[in-house]
Amino acid sequence: MGTQVSKTQQLEHDHEVGRLAPMTRRKFLITSAASAGVVLTSGLIHAAPLSAATKKINLPGFSAFAESVKTLRSGKYFLVESSGLPLHNMMVGISNWQQQVPVPMPYTGSNAWRIPVNPKKASDPISLKTELYRGAVALAVDGVPIFNALNNRGEDTFLIGELDAWGGHCGRADDYHYHIAPLHLSEKVGKRKPIAYALDGYKIYGRVEPNGSKMRTLDEFNGHIFKGEYHYHGTTSYPYINGGMRGQVTVRNGQIEPQASTRPFRSPGKPLRGAVITNFEREGELNFSLSYTLNGSVYIINYVANQSRVTMQFSNPDGSSTTETFQRKIAV
C-alpha cells in the first residue's frame, strides 16, 4: 500500500485516546536514547528474559527485518520480538483521527508475539465479520500487529478514513497496528515470501502464490490450499487480510490468546473532527514529530517516548505551548 488510502467520512472510533493539544514549533524534546533512560539493542527494547530452551531461528519473511525484529522458537510457538514500530513512515493521510500517536511497545521477552509452529485446521472456523473485534489477528513480518479490518462497530476502517497511507493507525494504548494487509512489504521481502502470519499459524502472502504463480481463487477467509498447505492472501478489497481464523485458536474476552499486551498511559479522549495528518518524522529511535491541519492552520506534536515515560510538547498557532509527561506501566 504505497499510496494514500481513500477517506469517505468522519466517524468516532472506540479506540480513541487522550486529548492532544495543538502545537506549531518543530523542536524535539530529547535527542538521545541515553538521556531518555532506555537501553536499546538493534532497535529492540528488551524486557523479561526468555528461557534457556528458546532458540533463535530464521522465519520466512521476518528475515528481511532482522535488524528490528527478532524471531525465536520455544516449544509449540514461534516468538517474535519487536518495538511494534515499522521502518516505513506512519500516520500520514489519516482524516478520521482519534488523537493517538505511535510509541514503541515492549513486545519482547514474556510479552513477545506467539505464532503456532504447527497450525491445525479448526472444525468450526471463526469469521472476522462477526467476531474478534478486539486485539490482533495476525502479525506482519516487520513486527507490526494486524487487527480486524472492521472496527468494534463493524465499520471498515479503511473506507472511513481511519488508516494512514500504509494501512495502519494507533489504538488507545498509542500502539501502532495495521487493519489491512501490508502489501507494500512484498517489495522488501520478495513476492514469493509471506508478508504476515495469522495468529492461528497460517502464513499470509501477497498478490502471488509461494511459487510466484498467479493467485488462485480464494475462500471466504481470503485463503486456500496450495500444494497441500493452507495459507491466506492479502488483497486490496475486503476482507483485505485473513477474513477469519481457519486454524485453531483460543478466544478469551473477545480476542485471541495468547497475544502480546499493551497498556494505555493516557485517559480516553474524543476524535479531533476535521483534522488531517500531513506529516510524521522520527529522529533516532525515541523522538517523534507529527503534523496535522485543522481549520486551515498547521499544528505539530513533538514527543519523546520510551518504555517508562512519554513527554509531549503541545503548541498553538499563536506560539503558546504546554508540555505534559506521562508515566508508563508496562504489562510484562
Protein backbone atom coordinates (compact mmCIF):
# COMPACT_ATOMS: atom_id res chain seq x y z
CA MET A 1 0.00 0.00 0.00
CA GLY A 2 2.40 2.66 -1.17
CA THR A 3 -0.33 5.21 -1.90
CA GLN A 4 -2.62 7.15 0.38
CA VAL A 5 -5.84 5.38 1.40
CA SER A 6 -9.19 6.90 0.50
CA LYS A 7 -11.24 8.80 3.08
CA THR A 8 -15.05 8.94 2.92
CA GLN A 9 -16.43 10.16 6.23
CA GLN A 10 -15.64 11.23 9.80
CA LEU A 11 -16.82 8.75 12.44
CA GLU A 12 -15.88 8.14 16.04
CA HIS A 13 -13.83 5.04 16.85
CA ASP A 14 -13.83 3.25 20.20
CA HIS A 15 -10.03 3.06 20.05
CA GLU A 16 -9.83 6.79 20.85
CA VAL A 17 -7.28 8.04 23.37
CA GLY A 18 -6.45 11.19 25.33
CA ARG A 19 -6.53 14.83 24.26
CA LEU A 20 -3.62 16.20 22.24
CA ALA A 21 -3.31 19.96 22.36
CA PRO A 22 -2.19 21.68 19.13
CA MET A 23 1.39 22.77 18.54
CA THR A 24 3.36 24.59 15.90
CA ARG A 25 7.04 24.52 16.91
CA ARG A 26 9.12 21.67 15.45
CA LYS A 27 11.54 21.07 18.32
CA PHE A 28 12.43 17.67 19.69
CA LEU A 29 12.49 17.43 23.47
CA ILE A 30 15.22 14.81 23.93
CA THR A 31 17.73 13.90 21.25
CA SER A 32 19.49 10.81 22.57
CA ALA A 33 18.48 7.38 23.85
CA ALA A 34 20.90 7.72 26.75
CA SER A 35 19.26 10.87 28.10
CA ALA A 36 15.85 9.19 27.85
CA GLY A 37 16.97 6.40 30.17
CA VAL A 38 16.37 3.35 27.98
CA VAL A 39 18.62 0.57 26.70
CA LEU A 40 18.33 -0.22 23.00
CA THR A 41 19.92 -3.03 21.03
CA SER A 42 19.41 -3.21 17.26
CA GLY A 43 16.18 -1.26 17.57
CA LEU A 44 14.67 -3.65 20.11
CA ILE A 45 13.66 -2.66 23.63
CA HIS A 46 14.32 -5.65 25.87
CA ALA A 47 12.02 -6.75 28.66
CA ALA A 48 11.79 -10.02 30.59
CA PRO A 49 14.39 -12.68 29.62
CA LEU A 50 13.48 -15.76 27.64
CA SER A 51 14.01 -19.32 28.87
CA ALA A 52 17.16 -21.24 28.05
CA ALA A 53 15.12 -23.59 25.86
CA THR A 54 14.30 -20.72 23.48
CA LYS A 55 16.34 -20.72 20.27
CA LYS A 56 16.86 -18.07 17.60
CA ILE A 57 15.54 -19.04 14.18
CA ASN A 58 15.11 -17.60 10.70
CA LEU A 59 11.42 -17.36 9.88
CA PRO A 60 10.46 -16.72 6.21
CA GLY A 61 9.53 -13.08 5.66
CA PHE A 62 10.77 -11.87 9.05
CA SER A 63 14.40 -12.35 7.98
CA ALA A 64 14.20 -9.20 5.84
CA PHE A 65 13.68 -7.16 9.05
CA ALA A 66 16.32 -8.89 11.20
CA GLU A 67 17.76 -5.55 12.38
CA SER A 68 14.50 -4.54 14.09
CA VAL A 69 12.66 -7.85 14.58
CA LYS A 70 13.90 -10.98 16.35
CA THR A 71 12.39 -14.44 15.76
CA LEU A 72 12.78 -17.40 18.09
CA ARG A 73 11.22 -20.76 18.82
CA SER A 74 10.07 -22.04 22.19
CA GLY A 75 8.13 -25.29 22.27
CA LYS A 76 4.98 -25.11 20.17
CA TYR A 77 5.35 -21.39 19.38
CA PHE A 78 7.45 -19.11 17.26
CA LEU A 79 8.21 -15.98 19.28
CA VAL A 80 8.53 -12.59 17.62
CA GLU A 81 10.10 -9.59 19.39
CA SER A 82 9.80 -6.01 18.14
CA SER A 83 9.02 -2.45 19.21
CA GLY A 84 5.83 -2.53 17.12
CA LEU A 85 7.03 0.41 15.01
CA PRO A 86 7.65 -0.19 11.29
CA LEU A 87 10.64 1.03 9.29
CA HIS A 88 8.33 2.90 6.91
CA ASN A 89 6.67 6.21 7.77
CA MET A 90 3.37 6.32 9.66
CA MET A 91 0.14 8.26 10.22
CA VAL A 92 0.25 10.45 7.08
CA GLY A 93 -3.13 10.61 5.34
CA ILE A 94 -5.41 9.88 8.30
CA SER A 95 -8.51 12.09 8.09
CA ASN A 96 -10.58 10.41 10.80
CA TRP A 97 -8.14 10.76 13.69
CA GLN A 98 -8.64 9.63 17.26
CA GLN A 99 -5.65 11.65 18.54
CA GLN A 100 -3.35 8.69 19.13
CA VAL A 101 0.34 8.81 18.30
CA PRO A 102 2.69 5.83 17.79
CA VAL A 103 5.05 4.92 20.63
CA PRO A 104 7.37 1.89 20.98
CA MET A 105 5.84 -1.18 22.59
CA PRO A 106 7.53 -3.85 24.79
CA TYR A 107 6.86 -6.81 22.50
CA THR A 108 9.82 -8.72 23.96
CA GLY A 109 10.60 -11.49 26.42
CA SER A 110 7.46 -12.87 28.04
CA ASN A 111 5.42 -10.29 26.08
CA ALA A 112 6.64 -11.42 22.65
CA TRP A 113 4.12 -12.34 19.95
CA ARG A 114 3.35 -16.07 19.73
CA ILE A 115 2.61 -17.89 16.49
CA PRO A 116 1.81 -21.65 16.50
CA VAL A 117 4.58 -23.72 14.89
CA ASN A 118 2.18 -26.37 13.61
CA PRO A 119 -1.19 -24.80 12.74
CA LYS A 120 -4.21 -27.10 12.72
CA LYS A 121 -7.49 -26.55 10.92
CA ALA A 122 -10.43 -25.76 13.15
CA SER A 123 -13.63 -27.77 12.97
CA ASP A 124 -15.56 -24.51 13.48
CA PRO A 125 -13.61 -21.59 11.89
CA ILE A 126 -14.14 -18.06 13.22
CA SER A 127 -15.27 -15.28 10.87
CA LEU A 128 -13.88 -11.78 11.38
CA LYS A 129 -17.20 -10.39 10.14
CA THR A 130 -18.81 -11.27 13.45
CA GLU A 131 -16.00 -11.88 15.96
CA LEU A 132 -12.51 -10.83 17.08
CA TYR A 133 -13.03 -7.07 17.01
CA ARG A 134 -10.52 -6.81 19.89
CA GLY A 135 -6.80 -7.46 19.72
CA ALA A 136 -4.61 -8.62 16.87
CA VAL A 137 -5.50 -11.39 14.43
CA ALA A 138 -2.13 -11.53 12.65
CA LEU A 139 1.42 -10.21 12.79
CA ALA A 140 3.21 -8.57 9.87
CA VAL A 141 6.79 -9.62 9.14
CA ASP A 142 8.04 -6.15 10.12
CA GLY A 143 6.85 -6.82 13.68
CA VAL A 144 3.64 -4.76 13.46
CA PRO A 145 0.40 -6.43 14.64
CA ILE A 146 -2.62 -6.61 12.32
CA PHE A 147 -6.17 -6.11 13.63
CA ASN A 148 -9.55 -6.99 12.16
CA ALA A 149 -10.35 -4.83 9.12
CA LEU A 150 -13.61 -3.92 10.88
CA ASN A 151 -13.67 -1.77 13.99
CA ASN A 152 -15.74 -2.80 17.01
CA ARG A 153 -18.87 -1.27 15.46
CA GLY A 154 -18.43 -3.36 12.32
CA GLU A 155 -17.20 -0.43 10.18
CA ASP A 156 -14.49 -0.82 7.55
CA THR A 157 -11.57 1.20 8.96
CA PHE A 158 -10.06 1.69 5.50
CA LEU A 159 -13.20 3.18 3.98
CA ILE A 160 -13.95 5.61 6.83
CA GLY A 161 -10.55 7.31 6.71
CA GLU A 162 -9.01 5.94 9.92
CA LEU A 163 -5.92 4.48 8.26
CA ASP A 164 -2.71 6.03 7.01
CA ALA A 165 -1.06 5.52 3.61
CA TRP A 166 0.33 2.17 4.77
CA GLY A 167 -2.89 0.77 6.20
CA GLY A 168 -2.21 1.49 9.87
CA HIS A 169 -3.07 3.73 12.81
CA CYS A 170 -2.79 3.71 16.62
CA GLY A 171 -5.06 2.20 19.27
CA ARG A 172 -5.96 3.51 22.72
CA ALA A 173 -2.55 2.45 24.07
CA ASP A 174 -0.88 4.52 21.32
CA ASP A 175 0.10 1.19 19.77
CA TYR A 176 0.62 1.28 16.01
CA HIS A 177 -1.02 -1.54 14.04
CA TYR A 178 -2.39 -2.36 10.60
CA HIS A 179 -6.04 -3.06 9.75
CA ILE A 180 -5.44 -4.15 6.16
CA ALA A 181 -2.75 -6.27 4.53
CA PRO A 182 0.64 -4.51 4.33
CA LEU A 183 1.08 -5.46 0.69
CA HIS A 184 3.91 -2.95 0.38
CA LEU A 185 6.12 -5.31 2.41
CA SER A 186 6.39 -7.61 -0.61
CA GLU A 187 8.78 -5.07 -2.12
CA LYS A 188 11.29 -5.81 0.67
CA VAL A 189 10.72 -9.48 1.44
CA GLY A 190 10.09 -10.62 -2.15
CA LYS A 191 6.83 -11.51 -3.86
CA ARG A 192 7.10 -15.21 -3.01
CA LYS A 193 7.58 -14.72 0.72
CA PRO A 194 4.83 -14.23 3.32
CA ILE A 195 4.10 -10.66 4.42
CA ALA A 196 2.43 -11.74 7.66
CA TYR A 197 1.40 -14.70 9.81
CA ALA A 198 -2.11 -15.13 11.19
CA LEU A 199 -2.25 -15.91 14.90
CA ASP A 200 -3.59 -19.37 14.04
CA GLY A 201 -0.17 -20.09 12.47
CA TYR A 202 -1.05 -19.93 8.78
CA LYS A 203 1.02 -17.65 6.55
CA ILE A 204 -0.36 -14.63 4.71
CA TYR A 205 1.05 -13.99 1.23
CA GLY A 206 0.71 -11.04 -1.10
CA ARG A 207 -0.61 -10.98 -4.66
CA VAL A 208 1.03 -14.21 -5.88
CA GLU A 209 1.40 -17.80 -4.75
CA PRO A 210 4.56 -19.03 -2.96
CA ASN A 211 5.96 -20.27 -6.29
CA GLY A 212 5.36 -16.91 -7.98
CA SER A 213 2.34 -18.03 -9.99
CA LYS A 214 -0.91 -16.09 -10.26
CA MET A 215 -3.04 -16.08 -7.12
CA ARG A 216 -5.69 -18.82 -7.19
CA THR A 217 -9.35 -18.45 -6.20
CA LEU A 218 -9.77 -17.64 -2.53
CA ASP A 219 -12.31 -18.88 0.01
CA GLU A 220 -14.42 -16.62 2.25
CA PHE A 221 -11.44 -16.19 4.59
CA ASN A 222 -9.09 -14.98 1.83
CA GLY A 223 -7.27 -18.31 1.84
CA HIS A 224 -6.96 -21.68 0.12
CA ILE A 225 -4.94 -24.87 -0.05
CA PHE A 226 -1.92 -24.66 -2.34
CA LYS A 227 0.32 -27.67 -2.92
CA GLY A 228 -1.13 -29.39 0.12
CA GLU A 229 -0.81 -26.47 2.55
CA TYR A 230 -3.33 -23.84 3.58
CA HIS A 231 -2.43 -20.15 3.57
CA TYR A 232 -4.09 -16.73 3.34
CA HIS A 233 -3.57 -13.81 0.94
CA GLY A 234 -3.66 -10.06 1.34
CA THR A 235 -5.97 -8.25 -1.10
CA THR A 236 -6.90 -4.66 -1.92
CA SER A 237 -10.61 -5.24 -1.19
CA TYR A 238 -12.43 -6.59 1.87
CA PRO A 239 -11.51 -8.63 3.87
CA TYR A 240 -8.01 -7.30 2.93
CA ILE A 241 -6.27 -9.82 5.23
CA ASN A 242 -7.32 -13.20 6.61
CA GLY A 243 -11.08 -12.86 6.78
CA GLY A 244 -11.26 -15.34 9.62
CA MET A 245 -9.32 -17.93 11.57
CA ARG A 246 -9.27 -21.13 9.55
CA GLY A 247 -6.91 -22.59 12.14
CA GLN A 248 -7.46 -23.47 15.78
CA VAL A 249 -7.21 -20.58 18.24
CA THR A 250 -8.24 -19.88 21.82
CA VAL A 251 -10.55 -16.89 22.28
CA ARG A 252 -10.96 -15.11 25.62
CA ASN A 253 -12.74 -11.82 26.23
CA GLY A 254 -13.30 -11.31 22.53
CA GLN A 255 -9.70 -11.70 21.38
CA ILE A 256 -7.19 -14.42 20.51
CA GLU A 257 -4.98 -15.64 23.35
CA PRO A 258 -2.10 -15.71 23.89
CA GLN A 259 -1.11 -12.36 22.43
CA ALA A 260 1.18 -9.54 23.44
CA SER A 261 -0.18 -6.94 25.88
CA THR A 262 -0.35 -3.16 25.69
CA ARG A 263 -1.42 -0.69 28.38
CA PRO A 264 -2.75 2.87 27.85
CA PHE A 265 -0.83 5.63 29.62
CA ARG A 266 -3.43 8.37 28.97
CA SER A 267 -7.16 8.76 29.55
CA PRO A 268 -9.52 8.25 26.59
CA GLY A 269 -10.45 11.35 24.60
CA LYS A 270 -12.59 12.35 21.63
CA PRO A 271 -11.86 12.36 17.89
CA LEU A 272 -10.48 15.64 16.57
CA ARG A 273 -13.05 16.49 13.92
CA GLY A 274 -11.68 17.97 10.71
CA ALA A 275 -8.03 17.18 11.47
CA VAL A 276 -5.88 15.63 8.74
CA ILE A 277 -2.40 14.28 9.46
CA THR A 278 0.02 15.69 6.88
CA ASN A 279 3.49 14.75 8.12
CA PHE A 280 5.30 12.45 10.52
CA GLU A 281 9.02 12.44 11.34
CA ARG A 282 11.39 10.44 13.52
CA GLU A 283 14.77 11.45 14.87
CA GLY A 284 16.62 8.42 16.16
CA GLU A 285 14.53 5.77 17.91
CA LEU A 286 12.73 7.81 20.57
CA ASN A 287 11.98 11.29 19.16
CA PHE A 288 8.89 11.90 17.04
CA SER A 289 7.02 14.77 15.41
CA LEU A 290 3.51 14.67 13.99
CA SER A 291 1.92 17.48 11.93
CA TYR A 292 -1.76 17.96 11.20
CA THR A 293 -4.03 20.61 9.76
CA LEU A 294 -7.21 21.85 11.42
CA ASN A 295 -9.41 24.75 10.29
CA GLY A 296 -6.72 25.98 7.91
CA SER A 297 -3.91 26.01 10.49
CA VAL A 298 -0.93 23.66 10.86
CA TYR A 299 -0.24 22.04 14.24
CA ILE A 300 2.73 19.94 15.33
CA ILE A 301 3.07 17.46 18.17
CA ASN A 302 6.64 16.80 19.30
CA TYR A 303 7.16 13.97 21.74
CA VAL A 304 9.71 11.58 23.18
CA ALA A 305 8.67 8.05 24.15
CA ASN A 306 10.48 5.24 25.90
CA GLN A 307 9.24 2.33 27.99
CA SER A 308 8.97 4.31 31.24
CA ARG A 309 7.52 7.65 30.15
CA VAL A 310 6.25 9.79 27.29
CA THR A 311 6.91 13.55 27.21
CA MET A 312 4.74 15.59 24.83
CA GLN A 313 5.03 19.24 23.84
CA PHE A 314 1.87 20.99 22.59
CA SER A 315 1.76 24.42 20.92
CA ASN A 316 -0.96 26.60 19.38
CA PRO A 317 -0.71 28.65 16.17
CA ASP A 318 -0.30 31.79 18.30
CA GLY A 319 3.00 30.39 19.64
CA SER A 320 1.79 29.35 23.09
CA SER A 321 2.72 25.84 24.20
CA THR A 322 2.45 23.33 27.05
CA THR A 323 4.35 20.18 27.99
CA GLU A 324 2.98 17.05 29.63
CA THR A 325 4.77 13.94 30.88
CA PHE A 326 3.04 10.57 31.24
CA GLN A 327 4.43 7.62 33.17
CA ARG A 328 4.08 4.19 31.59
CA LYS A 329 3.27 0.91 33.32
CA ILE A 330 4.39 -1.92 31.10
CA ALA A 331 2.46 -5.19 31.37
CA VAL A 332 5.35 -7.67 31.05
